[in-house]
C-alpha cells in the first residue's frame, strides 16, 4: 500500500502552503538583509571597517571582522571557515589594496552588497614625509615588491591608511551608510541618522587635531610604520617612517643614518612605535639618537594594549602623544 495516498488533500495543500511561506520568508529576509536574528550580517575586513558597521548599523546589524584583535592586518591569511562566513554575509566592508588575502576572498565570495572603502574617498601617494611625493612613493614601492614586501597598496603605491584622517574617514562613513541603506531599506532612516551622528563626531575630532597641532615646536615625527601620511598632510606635519608602508620590512643602514640626521635637524624628541608591530627598530633608533619613545597607534586593531577602547579614544591618545612629542604650545 502506498502510504502517501492516505494523506488528506487539504492537509497536503496546507503543508505545501506552509513550506512556500517559509521559503518566501527566508528569501525575503535575505533580500532585505534580514540575516541572523533579523539583523543585517555585516563582515568587515579589519577594525576600522568594523567600527563603521557598528556605529552606523547599531542594533540593526551583526558586525564581525576577519582580522581578530592582535593580528597585524597586512599579513592576514584567510581560513576556509572565514571564507565560508564571508560568503554568507549580507554586506562586506573592506579596503581594497590593504590585505591581498581579503581582496581575493571578496572577489570570489559572490556577496551582492560589497563596499570597497578605497572607492569612497580619494587615495593619495605618500613618501617618507606627509606631503605628496608621488615619484618617491612609486620608486620605494617598486623596491618593496622586488624584495617580496608587496602588500598591494592600491595603484602606484597609493597609501591605504585613510581612516587616520578624520575628514577622509567621514567620507567613507557616508558611503558605508548609503550602502547599508541599500542593503536594508526598512531601516534606512536609522542608518542616515547614525551616519550623521558619526560624521558629526569625526568633524569634532578633526577640529581637536587642527587646534591641538596648530602651534608646535617641531613639525616632524618619526614612526615605525608610515601609516600617518594622511594625518600629517591634513595637519601640516612631516612623517618620517622607519619601515615604510609595510610595518614588517627592515630599514637599511642608510635609512637609519638618514633618520638620525633628520632627528637632529628637525628637533625631533620622540620615536613612535605601535602596538601590533615589533618595536625593536624604533627602540634601537631611539637609543642611538638619545630620543624618547612613545606610542602612535595606526588603529588597525584594538587590544588590551591599546591606549583606548575604540577609535575615538585611541585617536585622542594619538593626539595627546603627538602634542607632547612635537612640543605643542
C-alpha atoms as a PDB file:
ATOM      1  CA  UNK A   1       0.000   0.000   0.000  1.00  0.00           C
ATOM      2  CA  UNK A   2       1.239   3.484  -0.840  1.00  0.00           C
ATOM      3  CA  UNK A   3       1.028   5.392   2.460  1.00  0.00           C
ATOM      4  CA  UNK A   4       1.196   8.765   0.741  1.00  0.00           C
ATOM      5  CA  UNK A   5      -2.359   8.213  -0.582  1.00  0.00           C
ATOM      6  CA  UNK A   6      -3.676   8.318   2.973  1.00  0.00           C
ATOM      7  CA  UNK A   7      -2.697  11.992   3.449  1.00  0.00           C
ATOM      8  CA  UNK A   8      -5.830  14.138   3.083  1.00  0.00           C
ATOM      9  CA  UNK A   9      -5.710  16.605   0.203  1.00  0.00           C
ATOM     10  CA  UNK A  10      -6.401  19.575   2.492  1.00  0.00           C
ATOM     11  CA  UNK A  11      -3.504  18.647   4.773  1.00  0.00           C
ATOM     12  CA  UNK A  12      -1.190  18.236   1.796  1.00  0.00           C
ATOM     13  CA  UNK A  13      -2.201  21.618   0.421  1.00  0.00           C
ATOM     14  CA  UNK A  14      -1.621  23.182   3.838  1.00  0.00           C
ATOM     15  CA  UNK A  15       1.849  21.666   4.090  1.00  0.00           C
ATOM     16  CA  UNK A  16       2.769  22.963   0.638  1.00  0.00           C
ATOM     17  CA  UNK A  17       1.475  26.426   1.520  1.00  0.00           C
ATOM     18  CA  UNK A  18       3.411  26.409   4.798  1.00  0.00           C
ATOM     19  CA  UNK A  19       6.615  25.391   3.015  1.00  0.00           C
ATOM     20  CA  UNK A  20       6.135  28.111   0.400  1.00  0.00           C
ATOM     21  CA  UNK A  21       5.560  30.703   3.134  1.00  0.00           C
ATOM     22  CA  UNK A  22       8.716  29.637   4.973  1.00  0.00           C
ATOM     23  CA  UNK A  23      10.720  29.790   1.748  1.00  0.00           C
ATOM     24  CA  UNK A  24       9.331  33.221   0.906  1.00  0.00           C
ATOM     25  CA  UNK A  25      10.092  34.492   4.419  1.00  0.00           C
ATOM     26  CA  UNK A  26      13.629  33.174   4.217  1.00  0.00           C
ATOM     27  CA  UNK A  27      14.199  34.714   0.804  1.00  0.00           C
ATOM     28  CA  UNK A  28      12.656  37.977   1.925  1.00  0.00           C
ATOM     29  CA  UNK A  29      14.957  38.155   4.957  1.00  0.00           C
ATOM     30  CA  UNK A  30      17.967  37.600   2.765  1.00  0.00           C
ATOM     31  CA  UNK A  31      16.862  40.115   0.160  1.00  0.00           C
ATOM     32  CA  UNK A  32      16.192  42.777   2.781  1.00  0.00           C
ATOM     33  CA  UNK A  33      19.321  41.880   4.677  1.00  0.00           C
ATOM     34  CA  UNK A  34      17.445  40.056   7.418  1.00  0.00           C
ATOM     35  CA  UNK A  35      20.477  37.997   8.404  1.00  0.00           C
ATOM     36  CA  UNK A  36      20.603  36.019  11.625  1.00  0.00           C
ATOM     37  CA  UNK A  37      18.069  37.085  14.234  1.00  0.00           C
ATOM     38  CA  UNK A  38      16.587  39.602  11.797  1.00  0.00           C
ATOM     39  CA  UNK A  39      19.840  41.584  11.709  1.00  0.00           C
ATOM     40  CA  UNK A  40      21.936  42.565   8.719  1.00  0.00           C
ATOM     41  CA  UNK A  41      25.010  40.298   8.685  1.00  0.00           C
ATOM     42  CA  UNK A  42      27.993  42.595   8.023  1.00  0.00           C
ATOM     43  CA  UNK A  43      31.501  41.183   7.602  1.00  0.00           C
ATOM     44  CA  UNK A  44      34.367  43.678   7.826  1.00  0.00           C
ATOM     45  CA  UNK A  45      37.955  43.157   6.751  1.00  0.00           C
ATOM     46  CA  UNK A  46      39.524  44.783   9.831  1.00  0.00           C
ATOM     47  CA  UNK A  47      38.788  47.077  12.777  1.00  0.00           C
ATOM     48  CA  UNK A  48      38.262  50.497  11.091  1.00  0.00           C
ATOM     49  CA  UNK A  49      35.634  48.935   8.813  1.00  0.00           C
ATOM     50  CA  UNK A  50      34.024  47.023  11.699  1.00  0.00           C
ATOM     51  CA  UNK A  51      33.813  50.234  13.735  1.00  0.00           C
ATOM     52  CA  UNK A  52      31.859  51.926  10.946  1.00  0.00           C
ATOM     53  CA  UNK A  53      29.469  48.972  10.733  1.00  0.00           C
ATOM     54  CA  UNK A  54      28.880  49.085  14.493  1.00  0.00           C
ATOM     55  CA  UNK A  55      28.462  52.865  14.692  1.00  0.00           C
ATOM     56  CA  UNK A  56      26.169  53.187  11.686  1.00  0.00           C
ATOM     57  CA  UNK A  57      24.326  49.866  11.965  1.00  0.00           C
ATOM     58  CA  UNK A  58      23.970  49.731  15.752  1.00  0.00           C
ATOM     59  CA  UNK A  59      21.115  47.355  16.734  1.00  0.00           C
ATOM     60  CA  UNK A  60      20.206  46.573  13.130  1.00  0.00           C
ATOM     61  CA  UNK A  61      23.450  44.785  12.259  1.00  0.00           C
ATOM     62  CA  UNK A  62      25.539  41.865  13.404  1.00  0.00           C
ATOM     63  CA  UNK A  63      29.094  43.121  12.800  1.00  0.00           C
ATOM     64  CA  UNK A  64      32.043  40.742  12.571  1.00  0.00           C
ATOM     65  CA  UNK A  65      35.630  41.069  11.364  1.00  0.00           C
ATOM     66  CA  UNK A  66      38.054  38.808   9.514  1.00  0.00           C
ATOM     67  CA  UNK A  67      41.041  40.283  11.390  1.00  0.00           C
ATOM     68  CA  UNK A  68      40.955  39.248  15.029  1.00  0.00           C
ATOM     69  CA  UNK A  69      42.331  41.571  17.753  1.00  0.00           C
ATOM     70  CA  UNK A  70      46.117  41.398  17.951  1.00  0.00           C
ATOM     71  CA  UNK A  71      46.613  40.233  14.341  1.00  0.00           C
ATOM     72  CA  UNK A  72      48.644  42.529  12.056  1.00  0.00           C
ATOM     73  CA  UNK A  73      46.140  43.206   9.229  1.00  0.00           C
ATOM     74  CA  UNK A  74      48.694  43.455   6.416  1.00  0.00           C
ATOM     75  CA  UNK A  75      49.713  39.826   6.921  1.00  0.00           C
ATOM     76  CA  UNK A  76      46.262  38.291   7.412  1.00  0.00           C
ATOM     77  CA  UNK A  77      45.650  34.865   5.876  1.00  0.00           C
ATOM     78  CA  UNK A  78      42.017  33.795   5.396  1.00  0.00           C
ATOM     79  CA  UNK A  79      40.930  30.399   6.788  1.00  0.00           C
ATOM     80  CA  UNK A  80      38.411  28.169   4.955  1.00  0.00           C
ATOM     81  CA  UNK A  81      35.936  28.830   7.781  1.00  0.00           C
ATOM     82  CA  UNK A  82      36.293  32.600   7.311  1.00  0.00           C
ATOM     83  CA  UNK A  83      35.847  32.203   3.565  1.00  0.00           C
ATOM     84  CA  UNK A  84      32.547  30.437   4.272  1.00  0.00           C
ATOM     85  CA  UNK A  85      31.434  33.148   6.711  1.00  0.00           C
ATOM     86  CA  UNK A  86      32.315  35.817   4.179  1.00  0.00           C
ATOM     87  CA  UNK A  87      30.173  34.159   1.508  1.00  0.00           C
ATOM     88  CA  UNK A  88      27.166  34.005   3.851  1.00  0.00           C
ATOM     89  CA  UNK A  89      27.283  37.718   4.727  1.00  0.00           C
ATOM     90  CA  UNK A  90      24.659  40.240   3.629  1.00  0.00           C
ATOM     91  CA  UNK A  91      27.241  43.035   3.330  1.00  0.00           C
ATOM     92  CA  UNK A  92      31.044  43.040   3.107  1.00  0.00           C
ATOM     93  CA  UNK A  93      33.058  46.132   4.074  1.00  0.00           C
ATOM     94  CA  UNK A  94      36.733  46.134   3.117  1.00  0.00           C
ATOM     95  CA  UNK A  95      39.575  48.347   1.902  1.00  0.00           C
ATOM     96  CA  UNK A  96      40.950  47.015  -1.346  1.00  0.00           C
ATOM     97  CA  UNK A  97      44.737  47.079  -1.526  1.00  0.00           C
ATOM     98  CA  UNK A  98      45.443  46.731   2.196  1.00  0.00           C
ATOM     99  CA  UNK A  99      45.003  42.970   2.633  1.00  0.00           C
ATOM    100  CA  UNK A 100      45.639  40.873  -0.515  1.00  0.00           C
ATOM    101  CA  UNK A 101      44.114  37.720   1.027  1.00  0.00           C
ATOM    102  CA  UNK A 102      40.895  39.605   1.746  1.00  0.00           C
ATOM    103  CA  UNK A 103      40.801  41.086  -1.748  1.00  0.00           C
ATOM    104  CA  UNK A 104      40.981  37.593  -3.245  1.00  0.00           C
ATOM    105  CA  UNK A 105      38.341  36.156  -0.902  1.00  0.00           C
ATOM    106  CA  UNK A 106      35.930  39.038  -1.526  1.00  0.00           C
ATOM    107  CA  UNK A 107      36.321  38.693  -5.303  1.00  0.00           C
ATOM    108  CA  UNK A 108      35.298  35.042  -5.035  1.00  0.00           C
ATOM    109  CA  UNK A 109      32.561  35.469  -2.392  1.00  0.00           C
ATOM    110  CA  UNK A 110      29.572  36.213  -4.606  1.00  0.00           C
ATOM    111  CA  UNK A 111      28.145  38.591  -1.983  1.00  0.00           C
ATOM    112  CA  UNK A 112      25.694  41.097  -3.508  1.00  0.00           C
ATOM    113  CA  UNK A 113      26.485  44.116  -1.320  1.00  0.00           C
ATOM    114  CA  UNK A 114      30.252  44.688  -1.310  1.00  0.00           C
ATOM    115  CA  UNK A 115      31.682  48.046  -0.216  1.00  0.00           C
ATOM    116  CA  UNK A 116      35.281  48.991  -1.038  1.00  0.00           C
ATOM    117  CA  UNK A 117      36.249  51.937   1.191  1.00  0.00           C
ATOM    118  CA  UNK A 118      39.006  52.885  -1.271  1.00  0.00           C
ATOM    119  CA  UNK A 119      36.301  53.988  -3.720  1.00  0.00           C
ATOM    120  CA  UNK A 120      34.590  56.261  -1.185  1.00  0.00           C
ATOM    121  CA  UNK A 121      37.387  58.830  -0.875  1.00  0.00           C
ATOM    122  CA  UNK A 122      40.469  59.850  -2.828  1.00  0.00           C
ATOM    123  CA  UNK A 123      43.609  57.789  -2.188  1.00  0.00           C
ATOM    124  CA  UNK A 124      46.971  59.532  -2.461  1.00  0.00           C
ATOM    125  CA  UNK A 125      50.614  58.540  -2.759  1.00  0.00           C
ATOM    126  CA  UNK A 126      52.744  59.405   0.258  1.00  0.00           C
ATOM    127  CA  UNK A 127      56.505  59.187   0.518  1.00  0.00           C
ATOM    128  CA  UNK A 128      58.542  59.254   3.699  1.00  0.00           C
ATOM    129  CA  UNK A 129      57.004  62.556   4.794  1.00  0.00           C
ATOM    130  CA  UNK A 130      53.386  63.593   4.982  1.00  0.00           C
ATOM    131  CA  UNK A 131      53.432  65.528   1.726  1.00  0.00           C
ATOM    132  CA  UNK A 132      52.663  64.053  -1.665  1.00  0.00           C
ATOM    133  CA  UNK A 133      55.819  62.533  -3.141  1.00  0.00           C
ATOM    134  CA  UNK A 134      54.380  60.510  -5.975  1.00  0.00           C
ATOM    135  CA  UNK A 135      57.678  59.602  -7.605  1.00  0.00           C
ATOM    136  CA  UNK A 136      59.372  58.746  -4.338  1.00  0.00           C
ATOM    137  CA  UNK A 137      56.399  56.630  -3.255  1.00  0.00           C
ATOM    138  CA  UNK A 138      56.299  54.727  -6.535  1.00  0.00           C
ATOM    139  CA  UNK A 139      60.020  54.070  -6.516  1.00  0.00           C
ATOM    140  CA  UNK A 140      60.005  52.877  -2.909  1.00  0.00           C
ATOM    141  CA  UNK A 141      57.022  50.650  -3.565  1.00  0.00           C
ATOM    142  CA  UNK A 142      58.699  49.044  -6.543  1.00  0.00           C
ATOM    143  CA  UNK A 143      61.705  48.167  -4.436  1.00  0.00           C
ATOM    144  CA  UNK A 144      59.413  46.639  -1.830  1.00  0.00           C
ATOM    145  CA  UNK A 145      57.769  44.474  -4.447  1.00  0.00           C
ATOM    146  CA  UNK A 146      61.143  43.271  -5.711  1.00  0.00           C
ATOM    147  CA  UNK A 147      62.107  42.272  -2.189  1.00  0.00           C
ATOM    148  CA  UNK A 148      58.853  40.415  -1.602  1.00  0.00           C
ATOM    149  CA  UNK A 149      57.218  43.102   0.549  1.00  0.00           C
ATOM    150  CA  UNK A 150      54.328  43.873  -1.770  1.00  0.00           C
ATOM    151  CA  UNK A 151      51.208  44.316   0.299  1.00  0.00           C
ATOM    152  CA  UNK A 152      49.210  45.552  -2.681  1.00  0.00           C
ATOM    153  CA  UNK A 153      48.632  49.127  -1.525  1.00  0.00           C
ATOM    154  CA  UNK A 154      46.414  50.365  -4.329  1.00  0.00           C
ATOM    155  CA  UNK A 155      47.574  51.695  -7.661  1.00  0.00           C
ATOM    156  CA  UNK A 156      51.124  53.058  -7.961  1.00  0.00           C
ATOM    157  CA  UNK A 157      51.817  52.803  -4.231  1.00  0.00           C
ATOM    158  CA  UNK A 158      48.696  54.598  -3.025  1.00  0.00           C
ATOM    159  CA  UNK A 159      48.508  54.915   0.755  1.00  0.00           C
ATOM    160  CA  UNK A 160      45.523  52.941   2.150  1.00  0.00           C
ATOM    161  CA  UNK A 161      45.540  54.418   5.695  1.00  0.00           C
ATOM    162  CA  UNK A 162      42.593  56.765   5.084  1.00  0.00           C
ATOM    163  CA  UNK A 163      40.913  56.140   8.455  1.00  0.00           C
ATOM    164  CA  UNK A 164      43.668  58.040  10.281  1.00  0.00           C
ATOM    165  CA  UNK A 165      42.415  61.277   8.705  1.00  0.00           C
ATOM    166  CA  UNK A 166      39.053  62.060  10.376  1.00  0.00           C
ATOM    167  CA  UNK A 167      37.905  64.008   7.301  1.00  0.00           C
ATOM    168  CA  UNK A 168      38.521  61.115   4.916  1.00  0.00           C
ATOM    169  CA  UNK A 169      37.101  58.627   7.403  1.00  0.00           C
ATOM    170  CA  UNK A 170      33.917  60.716   7.493  1.00  0.00           C
ATOM    171  CA  UNK A 171      33.690  60.485   3.698  1.00  0.00           C
ATOM    172  CA  UNK A 172      33.998  56.700   3.957  1.00  0.00           C
ATOM    173  CA  UNK A 173      31.348  56.656   6.699  1.00  0.00           C
ATOM    174  CA  UNK A 174      28.857  58.406   4.412  1.00  0.00           C
ATOM    175  CA  UNK A 175      29.443  55.795   1.711  1.00  0.00           C
ATOM    176  CA  UNK A 176      29.054  52.925   4.171  1.00  0.00           C
ATOM    177  CA  UNK A 177      25.819  54.446   5.479  1.00  0.00           C
ATOM    178  CA  UNK A 178      24.427  54.660   1.939  1.00  0.00           C
ATOM    179  CA  UNK A 179      25.393  51.016   1.319  1.00  0.00           C
ATOM    180  CA  UNK A 180      23.613  49.820   4.475  1.00  0.00           C
ATOM    181  CA  UNK A 181      20.509  51.773   3.447  1.00  0.00           C
ATOM    182  CA  UNK A 182      20.527  49.983   0.100  1.00  0.00           C
ATOM    183  CA  UNK A 183      21.051  46.560   1.669  1.00  0.00           C
ATOM    184  CA  UNK A 184      18.367  47.095   4.333  1.00  0.00           C
ATOM    185  CA  UNK A 185      15.915  49.789   3.148  1.00  0.00           C
ATOM    186  CA  UNK A 186      13.479  49.080   6.005  1.00  0.00           C
ATOM    187  CA  UNK A 187      15.914  50.774   8.406  1.00  0.00           C
ATOM    188  CA  UNK A 188      17.245  53.452   6.036  1.00  0.00           C
ATOM    189  CA  UNK A 189      16.149  56.341   8.279  1.00  0.00           C
ATOM    190  CA  UNK A 190      18.104  54.925  11.235  1.00  0.00           C
ATOM    191  CA  UNK A 191      21.212  54.395   9.114  1.00  0.00           C
ATOM    192  CA  UNK A 192      21.043  58.006   7.900  1.00  0.00           C
ATOM    193  CA  UNK A 193      20.624  59.303  11.453  1.00  0.00           C
ATOM    194  CA  UNK A 194      23.511  57.195  12.775  1.00  0.00           C
ATOM    195  CA  UNK A 195      25.745  58.230   9.864  1.00  0.00           C
ATOM    196  CA  UNK A 196      25.060  61.909  10.547  1.00  0.00           C
ATOM    197  CA  UNK A 197      25.907  61.409  14.232  1.00  0.00           C
ATOM    198  CA  UNK A 198      29.180  59.660  13.398  1.00  0.00           C
ATOM    199  CA  UNK A 199      30.168  62.292  10.830  1.00  0.00           C
ATOM    200  CA  UNK A 200      29.470  64.955  13.457  1.00  0.00           C
ATOM    201  CA  UNK A 201      31.810  63.225  15.923  1.00  0.00           C
ATOM    202  CA  UNK A 202      34.528  62.900  13.271  1.00  0.00           C
ATOM    203  CA  UNK A 203      34.159  66.586  12.387  1.00  0.00           C
ATOM    204  CA  UNK A 204      34.650  67.456  16.061  1.00  0.00           C
ATOM    205  CA  UNK A 205      37.717  65.189  16.214  1.00  0.00           C
ATOM    206  CA  UNK A 206      39.168  66.932  13.167  1.00  0.00           C
ATOM    207  CA  UNK A 207      38.713  70.291  14.916  1.00  0.00           C
ATOM    208  CA  UNK A 208      40.528  68.954  18.006  1.00  0.00           C
ATOM    209  CA  UNK A 209      43.507  67.833  15.915  1.00  0.00           C
ATOM    210  CA  UNK A 210      43.540  71.111  13.976  1.00  0.00           C
ATOM    211  CA  UNK A 211      43.618  73.173  17.163  1.00  0.00           C
ATOM    212  CA  UNK A 212      45.908  70.825  19.098  1.00  0.00           C
ATOM    213  CA  UNK A 213      48.634  70.685  16.433  1.00  0.00           C
ATOM    214  CA  UNK A 214      48.420  74.279  15.204  1.00  0.00           C
ATOM    215  CA  UNK A 215      51.353  75.597  17.232  1.00  0.00           C
ATOM    216  CA  UNK A 216      54.191  73.146  17.857  1.00  0.00           C
ATOM    217  CA  UNK A 217      57.943  73.495  18.337  1.00  0.00           C
ATOM    218  CA  UNK A 218      58.584  70.839  15.674  1.00  0.00           C
ATOM    219  CA  UNK A 219      56.548  69.567  12.721  1.00  0.00           C
ATOM    220  CA  UNK A 220      58.443  66.298  12.179  1.00  0.00           C
ATOM    221  CA  UNK A 221      57.698  62.961  13.778  1.00  0.00           C
ATOM    222  CA  UNK A 222      59.413  59.599  13.295  1.00  0.00           C
ATOM    223  CA  UNK A 223      57.294  56.445  13.378  1.00  0.00           C
ATOM    224  CA  UNK A 224      57.865  52.724  12.847  1.00  0.00           C
ATOM    225  CA  UNK A 225      55.114  52.354  10.272  1.00  0.00           C
ATOM    226  CA  UNK A 226      54.409  55.008   7.622  1.00  0.00           C
ATOM    227  CA  UNK A 227      50.687  54.908   8.293  1.00  0.00           C
ATOM    228  CA  UNK A 228      50.215  58.566   9.113  1.00  0.00           C
ATOM    229  CA  UNK A 229      50.689  60.263   5.737  1.00  0.00           C
ATOM    230  CA  UNK A 230      47.090  61.485   5.520  1.00  0.00           C
ATOM    231  CA  UNK A 231      47.102  62.701   9.120  1.00  0.00           C
ATOM    232  CA  UNK A 232      50.422  64.500   8.615  1.00  0.00           C
ATOM    233  CA  UNK A 233      49.223  66.156   5.421  1.00  0.00           C
ATOM    234  CA  UNK A 234      45.914  67.205   6.989  1.00  0.00           C
ATOM    235  CA  UNK A 235      47.559  68.964   9.941  1.00  0.00           C
ATOM    236  CA  UNK A 236      50.733  70.336   8.364  1.00  0.00           C
ATOM    237  CA  UNK A 237      53.175  67.790   9.800  1.00  0.00           C
ATOM    238  CA  UNK A 238      56.030  65.757   8.286  1.00  0.00           C
ATOM    239  CA  UNK A 239      56.031  61.991   8.788  1.00  0.00           C
ATOM    240  CA  UNK A 240      59.321  60.119   8.629  1.00  0.00           C
ATOM    241  CA  UNK A 241      58.736  56.373   8.550  1.00  0.00           C
ATOM    242  CA  UNK A 242      61.367  53.857   9.601  1.00  0.00           C
ATOM    243  CA  UNK A 243      59.901  50.901   7.733  1.00  0.00           C
ATOM    244  CA  UNK A 244      57.723  52.498   5.082  1.00  0.00           C
ATOM    245  CA  UNK A 245      54.119  51.465   4.492  1.00  0.00           C
ATOM    246  CA  UNK A 246      54.917  47.810   5.264  1.00  0.00           C
ATOM    247  CA  UNK A 247      55.424  47.578   9.056  1.00  0.00           C
ATOM    248  CA  UNK A 248      57.440  44.356   8.821  1.00  0.00           C
ATOM    249  CA  UNK A 249      60.101  45.470   6.320  1.00  0.00           C
ATOM    250  CA  UNK A 250      63.587  46.145   7.694  1.00  0.00           C
ATOM    251  CA  UNK A 251      65.084  49.622   7.110  1.00  0.00           C
ATOM    252  CA  UNK A 252      68.533  49.828   5.522  1.00  0.00           C
ATOM    253  CA  UNK A 253      71.541  51.140   7.495  1.00  0.00           C
ATOM    254  CA  UNK A 254      71.480  54.169   5.193  1.00  0.00           C
ATOM    255  CA  UNK A 255      67.871  54.892   6.163  1.00  0.00           C
ATOM    256  CA  UNK A 256      68.701  54.645   9.861  1.00  0.00           C
ATOM    257  CA  UNK A 257      71.578  57.086   9.374  1.00  0.00           C
ATOM    258  CA  UNK A 258      69.289  59.426   7.455  1.00  0.00           C
ATOM    259  CA  UNK A 259      66.738  59.365  10.262  1.00  0.00           C
ATOM    260  CA  UNK A 260      69.400  60.244  12.814  1.00  0.00           C
ATOM    261  CA  UNK A 261      70.238  63.313  10.738  1.00  0.00           C
ATOM    262  CA  UNK A 262      66.544  64.238  10.409  1.00  0.00           C
ATOM    263  CA  UNK A 263      66.057  63.927  14.175  1.00  0.00           C
ATOM    264  CA  UNK A 264      68.908  66.333  14.834  1.00  0.00           C
ATOM    265  CA  UNK A 265      67.973  68.845  12.117  1.00  0.00           C
ATOM    266  CA  UNK A 266      64.228  68.973  12.843  1.00  0.00           C
ATOM    267  CA  UNK A 267      64.372  68.972  16.639  1.00  0.00           C
ATOM    268  CA  UNK A 268      62.724  65.564  16.957  1.00  0.00           C
ATOM    269  CA  UNK A 269      62.302  64.405  20.552  1.00  0.00           C
ATOM    270  CA  UNK A 270      60.481  61.080  20.169  1.00  0.00           C
ATOM    271  CA  UNK A 271      60.464  57.918  18.076  1.00  0.00           C
ATOM    272  CA  UNK A 272      56.992  56.411  17.869  1.00  0.00           C
ATOM    273  CA  UNK A 273      56.240  52.696  17.780  1.00  0.00           C
ATOM    274  CA  UNK A 274      52.892  50.881  17.649  1.00  0.00           C
ATOM    275  CA  UNK A 275      51.064  48.079  19.429  1.00  0.00           C
ATOM    276  CA  UNK A 276      50.688  45.415  16.699  1.00  0.00           C
ATOM    277  CA  UNK A 277      54.186  45.521  15.153  1.00  0.00           C
ATOM    278  CA  UNK A 278      57.626  44.970  16.673  1.00  0.00           C
ATOM    279  CA  UNK A 279      59.123  47.995  18.455  1.00  0.00           C
ATOM    280  CA  UNK A 280      62.704  46.695  18.168  1.00  0.00           C
ATOM    281  CA  UNK A 281      63.835  49.028  15.355  1.00  0.00           C
ATOM    282  CA  UNK A 282      62.183  52.079  16.893  1.00  0.00           C
ATOM    283  CA  UNK A 283      63.872  51.459  20.227  1.00  0.00           C
ATOM    284  CA  UNK A 284      67.228  50.892  18.525  1.00  0.00           C
ATOM    285  CA  UNK A 285      66.945  54.216  16.703  1.00  0.00           C
ATOM    286  CA  UNK A 286      65.877  55.980  19.895  1.00  0.00           C
ATOM    287  CA  UNK A 287      68.840  54.546  21.797  1.00  0.00           C
ATOM    288  CA  UNK A 288      71.295  55.518  19.054  1.00  0.00           C
ATOM    289  CA  UNK A 289      69.988  59.087  18.893  1.00  0.00           C
ATOM    290  CA  UNK A 290      69.217  59.634  22.575  1.00  0.00           C
ATOM    291  CA  UNK A 291      65.492  60.107  21.894  1.00  0.00           C
ATOM    292  CA  UNK A 292      62.432  59.089  23.869  1.00  0.00           C
ATOM    293  CA  UNK A 293      59.881  56.537  22.663  1.00  0.00           C
ATOM    294  CA  UNK A 294      56.096  56.666  22.721  1.00  0.00           C
ATOM    295  CA  UNK A 295      53.087  55.034  21.051  1.00  0.00           C
ATOM    296  CA  UNK A 296      51.410  56.281  17.883  1.00  0.00           C
ATOM    297  CA  UNK A 297      48.697  53.759  17.104  1.00  0.00           C
ATOM    298  CA  UNK A 298      47.700  53.165  13.440  1.00  0.00           C
ATOM    299  CA  UNK A 299      44.405  51.781  14.751  1.00  0.00           C
ATOM    300  CA  UNK A 300      44.442  48.621  12.688  1.00  0.00           C
ATOM    301  CA  UNK A 301      43.062  46.708  15.676  1.00  0.00           C
ATOM    302  CA  UNK A 302      42.087  47.190  19.315  1.00  0.00           C
ATOM    303  CA  UNK A 303      43.731  45.054  22.008  1.00  0.00           C
ATOM    304  CA  UNK A 304      44.246  45.316  25.759  1.00  0.00           C
ATOM    305  CA  UNK A 305      47.489  47.163  24.949  1.00  0.00           C
ATOM    306  CA  UNK A 306      45.679  49.908  23.047  1.00  0.00           C
ATOM    307  CA  UNK A 307      45.518  53.371  24.607  1.00  0.00           C
ATOM    308  CA  UNK A 308      41.736  53.419  24.442  1.00  0.00           C
ATOM    309  CA  UNK A 309      38.743  51.150  23.915  1.00  0.00           C
ATOM    310  CA  UNK A 310      37.641  52.411  20.498  1.00  0.00           C
ATOM    311  CA  UNK A 311      38.578  54.566  17.506  1.00  0.00           C
ATOM    312  CA  UNK A 312      37.870  57.908  19.162  1.00  0.00           C
ATOM    313  CA  UNK A 313      39.694  57.126  22.416  1.00  0.00           C
ATOM    314  CA  UNK A 314      42.806  55.877  20.608  1.00  0.00           C
ATOM    315  CA  UNK A 315      42.819  58.829  18.191  1.00  0.00           C
ATOM    316  CA  UNK A 316      42.679  61.235  21.122  1.00  0.00           C
ATOM    317  CA  UNK A 317      45.572  59.356  22.751  1.00  0.00           C
ATOM    318  CA  UNK A 318      47.488  59.760  19.477  1.00  0.00           C
ATOM    319  CA  UNK A 319      46.776  63.493  19.533  1.00  0.00           C
ATOM    320  CA  UNK A 320      47.992  63.793  23.120  1.00  0.00           C
ATOM    321  CA  UNK A 321      51.196  61.861  22.325  1.00  0.00           C
ATOM    322  CA  UNK A 322      51.864  63.958  19.223  1.00  0.00           C
ATOM    323  CA  UNK A 323      51.346  67.189  21.161  1.00  0.00           C
ATOM    324  CA  UNK A 324      53.836  66.056  23.781  1.00  0.00           C
ATOM    325  CA  UNK A 325      56.429  64.901  21.248  1.00  0.00           C
ATOM    326  CA  UNK A 326      56.150  67.956  18.994  1.00  0.00           C
ATOM    327  CA  UNK A 327      56.122  70.498  21.817  1.00  0.00           C
ATOM    328  CA  UNK A 328      52.601  71.823  21.445  1.00  0.00           C
ATOM    329  CA  UNK A 329      52.269  75.412  22.685  1.00  0.00           C
END
